[in-house]
Amino acid sequence: MEKEKKAIVCEKIEKILYTSFKVDSNGFCTENRAKSLFLPPFNLDGIMLVYLFAEVEKVFHIKIEPEYLENYAFTTIAGIADIVCQICQDEL
């Protein structure tokens, strides 16, 4: 069940990347979810990551506390999904 929730969250994050940042949807696959968003196929920069942070909070109706950012988890789709799942727990 936890894997299913994480997969749903990953898909929503990919949708944000596609609609808000025009990231090519061809790069969205399971193995790329662990790749840095700063590298191909995503190629985000620091400013874009800040906007992504705001979009994730808005879409999932959450507040991401600084402790979730200390280990650089917010730099991959899988890492962001882990953060969202930890915050939301059973709400998804």
N, C-alpha and C. Protein backbone atom coordinates (compact mmCIF):
# COMPACT_ATOMS: atom_id res chain seq x y z
N MET A 1 0.82 -1.21 0.00
CA MET A 1 0.00 0.00 0.00
C MET A 1 0.86 1.26 0.00
N GLU A 2 1.95 1.25 0.78
CA GLU A 2 2.84 2.41 0.86
C GLU A 2 3.48 2.70 -0.50
N LYS A 3 3.85 1.66 -1.23
CA LYS A 3 4.44 1.85 -2.56
C LYS A 3 3.43 2.48 -3.52
N GLU A 4 2.17 2.09 -3.38
CA GLU A 4 1.12 2.65 -4.24
C GLU A 4 0.94 4.13 -3.96
N LYS A 5 0.94 4.51 -2.68
CA LYS A 5 0.81 5.92 -2.33
C LYS A 5 1.99 6.72 -2.87
N LYS A 6 3.19 6.17 -2.70
CA LYS A 6 4.37 6.87 -3.19
C LYS A 6 4.33 7.02 -4.71
N ALA A 7 3.87 5.98 -5.40
CA ALA A 7 3.77 6.05 -6.87
C ALA A 7 2.78 7.13 -7.29
N ILE A 8 1.68 7.26 -6.59
CA ILE A 8 0.68 8.30 -6.89
C ILE A 8 1.28 9.69 -6.67
N VAL A 9 2.01 9.84 -5.56
CA VAL A 9 2.66 11.12 -5.26
C VAL A 9 3.69 11.44 -6.33
N CYS A 10 4.49 10.46 -6.74
CA CYS A 10 5.49 10.66 -7.80
C CYS A 10 4.82 11.13 -9.08
N GLU A 11 3.72 10.54 -9.43
CA GLU A 11 3.01 10.93 -10.66
C GLU A 11 2.51 12.37 -10.57
N LYS A 12 2.02 12.76 -9.39
CA LYS A 12 1.57 14.15 -9.22
C LYS A 12 2.74 15.13 -9.31
N ILE A 13 3.87 14.75 -8.77
CA ILE A 13 5.07 15.60 -8.86
C ILE A 13 5.51 15.71 -10.32
N GLU A 14 5.48 14.62 -11.04
CA GLU A 14 5.83 14.64 -12.46
C GLU A 14 4.87 15.54 -13.24
N LYS A 15 3.60 15.51 -12.86
CA LYS A 15 2.62 16.37 -13.52
C LYS A 15 2.95 17.85 -13.26
N ILE A 16 3.36 18.17 -12.03
CA ILE A 16 3.78 19.54 -11.72
C ILE A 16 4.98 19.93 -12.57
N LEU A 17 5.96 19.04 -12.66
CA LEU A 17 7.15 19.32 -13.46
C LEU A 17 6.81 19.54 -14.93
N TYR A 18 5.86 18.77 -15.43
CA TYR A 18 5.46 18.89 -16.83
C TYR A 18 4.68 20.18 -17.08
N THR A 19 3.67 20.45 -16.23
CA THR A 19 2.79 21.59 -16.49
C THR A 19 3.41 22.93 -16.09
N SER A 20 4.14 22.96 -14.99
CA SER A 20 4.67 24.23 -14.50
C SER A 20 6.07 24.55 -15.00
N PHE A 21 6.86 23.51 -15.32
CA PHE A 21 8.26 23.74 -15.68
C PHE A 21 8.61 23.21 -17.06
N LYS A 22 7.61 22.71 -17.78
CA LYS A 22 7.78 22.23 -19.16
C LYS A 22 8.87 21.18 -19.30
N VAL A 23 9.02 20.34 -18.26
CA VAL A 23 9.97 19.23 -18.33
C VAL A 23 9.41 18.19 -19.29
N ASP A 24 10.23 17.70 -20.19
CA ASP A 24 9.82 16.72 -21.19
C ASP A 24 9.32 15.45 -20.51
N SER A 25 8.11 15.06 -20.82
CA SER A 25 7.51 13.89 -20.18
C SER A 25 8.21 12.58 -20.55
N ASN A 26 9.04 12.58 -21.59
CA ASN A 26 9.79 11.37 -21.95
C ASN A 26 10.79 10.98 -20.86
N GLY A 27 11.16 11.93 -20.01
CA GLY A 27 12.10 11.65 -18.93
C GLY A 27 11.45 11.06 -17.69
N PHE A 28 10.13 10.97 -17.70
CA PHE A 28 9.44 10.45 -16.53
C PHE A 28 9.34 8.93 -16.59
N CYS A 29 10.17 8.28 -15.80
CA CYS A 29 10.14 6.84 -15.68
C CYS A 29 10.64 6.50 -14.27
N THR A 30 10.38 5.30 -13.85
CA THR A 30 10.70 4.90 -12.48
C THR A 30 12.18 5.09 -12.16
N GLU A 31 13.06 4.73 -13.08
CA GLU A 31 14.49 4.84 -12.77
C GLU A 31 14.97 6.29 -12.67
N ASN A 32 14.28 7.23 -13.32
CA ASN A 32 14.68 8.64 -13.23
C ASN A 32 14.18 9.32 -11.96
N ARG A 33 13.30 8.67 -11.23
CA ARG A 33 12.77 9.28 -10.01
C ARG A 33 13.84 9.47 -8.93
N ALA A 34 14.93 8.75 -9.02
CA ALA A 34 16.02 8.89 -8.05
C ALA A 34 17.13 9.81 -8.55
N LYS A 35 17.00 10.32 -9.77
CA LYS A 35 18.01 11.22 -10.33
C LYS A 35 17.80 12.64 -9.82
N SER A 36 18.89 13.37 -9.70
CA SER A 36 18.83 14.76 -9.27
C SER A 36 18.02 15.59 -10.27
N LEU A 37 17.20 16.47 -9.75
CA LEU A 37 16.41 17.35 -10.61
C LEU A 37 17.28 18.42 -11.28
N PHE A 38 18.53 18.54 -10.84
CA PHE A 38 19.46 19.49 -11.45
C PHE A 38 20.11 18.92 -12.72
N LEU A 39 20.00 17.60 -12.92
CA LEU A 39 20.65 16.92 -14.03
C LEU A 39 19.64 16.54 -15.10
N PRO A 40 20.12 16.21 -16.32
CA PRO A 40 19.21 15.70 -17.34
C PRO A 40 18.49 14.44 -16.85
N PRO A 41 17.27 14.23 -17.17
CA PRO A 41 16.46 14.93 -18.17
C PRO A 41 15.68 16.12 -17.61
N PHE A 42 15.88 16.50 -16.35
CA PHE A 42 15.07 17.54 -15.73
C PHE A 42 15.66 18.94 -15.89
N ASN A 43 16.95 19.10 -15.59
CA ASN A 43 17.68 20.35 -15.80
C ASN A 43 17.09 21.56 -15.07
N LEU A 44 16.61 21.37 -13.85
CA LEU A 44 16.11 22.50 -13.08
C LEU A 44 17.29 23.28 -12.50
N ASP A 45 17.05 24.54 -12.19
CA ASP A 45 18.06 25.32 -11.48
C ASP A 45 17.53 25.62 -10.07
N GLY A 46 18.31 26.32 -9.28
CA GLY A 46 17.93 26.58 -7.89
C GLY A 46 16.63 27.35 -7.75
N ILE A 47 16.42 28.33 -8.60
CA ILE A 47 15.18 29.13 -8.55
C ILE A 47 13.98 28.26 -8.88
N MET A 48 14.13 27.41 -9.88
CA MET A 48 13.03 26.52 -10.25
C MET A 48 12.70 25.55 -9.11
N LEU A 49 13.72 25.13 -8.39
CA LEU A 49 13.50 24.22 -7.26
C LEU A 49 12.70 24.92 -6.16
N VAL A 50 12.95 26.20 -5.96
CA VAL A 50 12.18 26.96 -4.97
C VAL A 50 10.72 27.04 -5.41
N TYR A 51 10.48 27.29 -6.68
CA TYR A 51 9.11 27.32 -7.20
C TYR A 51 8.45 25.94 -7.09
N LEU A 52 9.21 24.89 -7.34
CA LEU A 52 8.69 23.54 -7.19
C LEU A 52 8.28 23.28 -5.75
N PHE A 53 9.11 23.74 -4.82
CA PHE A 53 8.81 23.61 -3.39
C PHE A 53 7.44 24.23 -3.09
N ALA A 54 7.23 25.45 -3.59
CA ALA A 54 5.95 26.14 -3.36
C ALA A 54 4.79 25.40 -4.01
N GLU A 55 5.00 24.89 -5.21
CA GLU A 55 3.95 24.15 -5.92
C GLU A 55 3.58 22.87 -5.18
N VAL A 56 4.58 22.16 -4.68
CA VAL A 56 4.32 20.92 -3.95
C VAL A 56 3.50 21.21 -2.70
N GLU A 57 3.88 22.26 -1.97
CA GLU A 57 3.10 22.63 -0.78
C GLU A 57 1.66 22.96 -1.16
N LYS A 58 1.47 23.67 -2.26
CA LYS A 58 0.13 24.07 -2.70
C LYS A 58 -0.70 22.86 -3.16
N VAL A 59 -0.12 22.03 -4.00
CA VAL A 59 -0.85 20.89 -4.56
C VAL A 59 -1.25 19.88 -3.48
N PHE A 60 -0.34 19.62 -2.56
CA PHE A 60 -0.61 18.61 -1.53
C PHE A 60 -1.18 19.20 -0.24
N HIS A 61 -1.36 20.52 -0.21
CA HIS A 61 -1.92 21.21 0.97
C HIS A 61 -1.13 20.88 2.23
N ILE A 62 0.18 21.06 2.13
CA ILE A 62 1.07 20.75 3.25
C ILE A 62 2.02 21.91 3.49
N LYS A 63 2.67 21.88 4.63
CA LYS A 63 3.75 22.81 4.96
C LYS A 63 4.98 21.95 5.20
N ILE A 64 6.01 22.15 4.39
CA ILE A 64 7.23 21.37 4.51
C ILE A 64 8.18 22.12 5.44
N GLU A 65 8.47 21.52 6.56
CA GLU A 65 9.35 22.12 7.55
C GLU A 65 10.81 21.98 7.12
N PRO A 66 11.68 22.88 7.58
CA PRO A 66 13.10 22.86 7.18
C PRO A 66 13.82 21.54 7.44
N GLU A 67 13.44 20.81 8.47
CA GLU A 67 14.14 19.56 8.76
C GLU A 67 14.05 18.55 7.63
N TYR A 68 13.02 18.66 6.80
CA TYR A 68 12.88 17.75 5.66
C TYR A 68 13.83 18.12 4.51
N LEU A 69 14.43 19.28 4.58
CA LEU A 69 15.31 19.73 3.51
C LEU A 69 16.79 19.55 3.82
N GLU A 70 17.11 19.22 5.04
CA GLU A 70 18.49 19.15 5.47
C GLU A 70 19.31 18.05 4.81
N ASN A 71 18.69 16.98 4.36
CA ASN A 71 19.44 15.87 3.78
C ASN A 71 19.35 15.84 2.24
N TYR A 72 18.95 16.94 1.65
CA TYR A 72 18.87 17.08 0.19
C TYR A 72 17.85 16.15 -0.46
N ALA A 73 16.90 15.65 0.30
CA ALA A 73 15.88 14.77 -0.26
C ALA A 73 14.99 15.49 -1.27
N PHE A 74 14.92 16.81 -1.16
CA PHE A 74 14.03 17.55 -2.05
C PHE A 74 14.64 17.74 -3.45
N THR A 75 15.70 17.05 -3.77
CA THR A 75 16.34 17.21 -5.08
C THR A 75 16.05 16.06 -6.03
N THR A 76 15.20 15.12 -5.63
CA THR A 76 14.77 14.05 -6.53
C THR A 76 13.26 13.88 -6.41
N ILE A 77 12.66 13.32 -7.43
CA ILE A 77 11.22 13.07 -7.39
C ILE A 77 10.91 12.09 -6.26
N ALA A 78 11.70 11.03 -6.14
CA ALA A 78 11.47 10.03 -5.09
C ALA A 78 11.65 10.64 -3.71
N GLY A 79 12.63 11.51 -3.55
CA GLY A 79 12.86 12.17 -2.27
C GLY A 79 11.71 13.08 -1.89
N ILE A 80 11.20 13.83 -2.86
CA ILE A 80 10.06 14.71 -2.60
C ILE A 80 8.84 13.87 -2.23
N ALA A 81 8.64 12.77 -2.94
CA ALA A 81 7.51 11.88 -2.64
C ALA A 81 7.61 11.32 -1.23
N ASP A 82 8.82 10.97 -0.80
CA ASP A 82 9.02 10.48 0.57
C ASP A 82 8.63 11.54 1.58
N ILE A 83 9.03 12.78 1.33
CA ILE A 83 8.70 13.89 2.22
C ILE A 83 7.18 14.07 2.31
N VAL A 84 6.53 14.10 1.15
CA VAL A 84 5.07 14.29 1.10
C VAL A 84 4.38 13.15 1.85
N CYS A 85 4.82 11.93 1.61
CA CYS A 85 4.21 10.77 2.28
C CYS A 85 4.40 10.83 3.79
N GLN A 86 5.57 11.27 4.24
CA GLN A 86 5.81 11.39 5.67
C GLN A 86 4.90 12.44 6.30
N ILE A 87 4.72 13.54 5.62
CA ILE A 87 3.88 14.62 6.15
C ILE A 87 2.41 14.25 6.11
N CYS A 88 1.97 13.69 5.00
CA CYS A 88 0.56 13.37 4.81
C CYS A 88 0.12 12.08 5.50
N GLN A 89 1.00 11.14 5.58
CA GLN A 89 0.74 9.82 6.13
C GLN A 89 -0.53 9.21 5.55
N ASP A 90 -1.61 9.14 6.26
CA ASP A 90 -2.81 8.45 5.79
C ASP A 90 -3.78 9.34 5.04
N GLU A 91 -3.42 10.59 4.80
CA GLU A 91 -4.35 11.51 4.16
C GLU A 91 -4.44 11.36 2.65
N LEU A 92 -3.47 10.67 2.05
CA LEU A 92 -3.46 10.53 0.58
C LEU A 92 -4.50 9.54 0.11
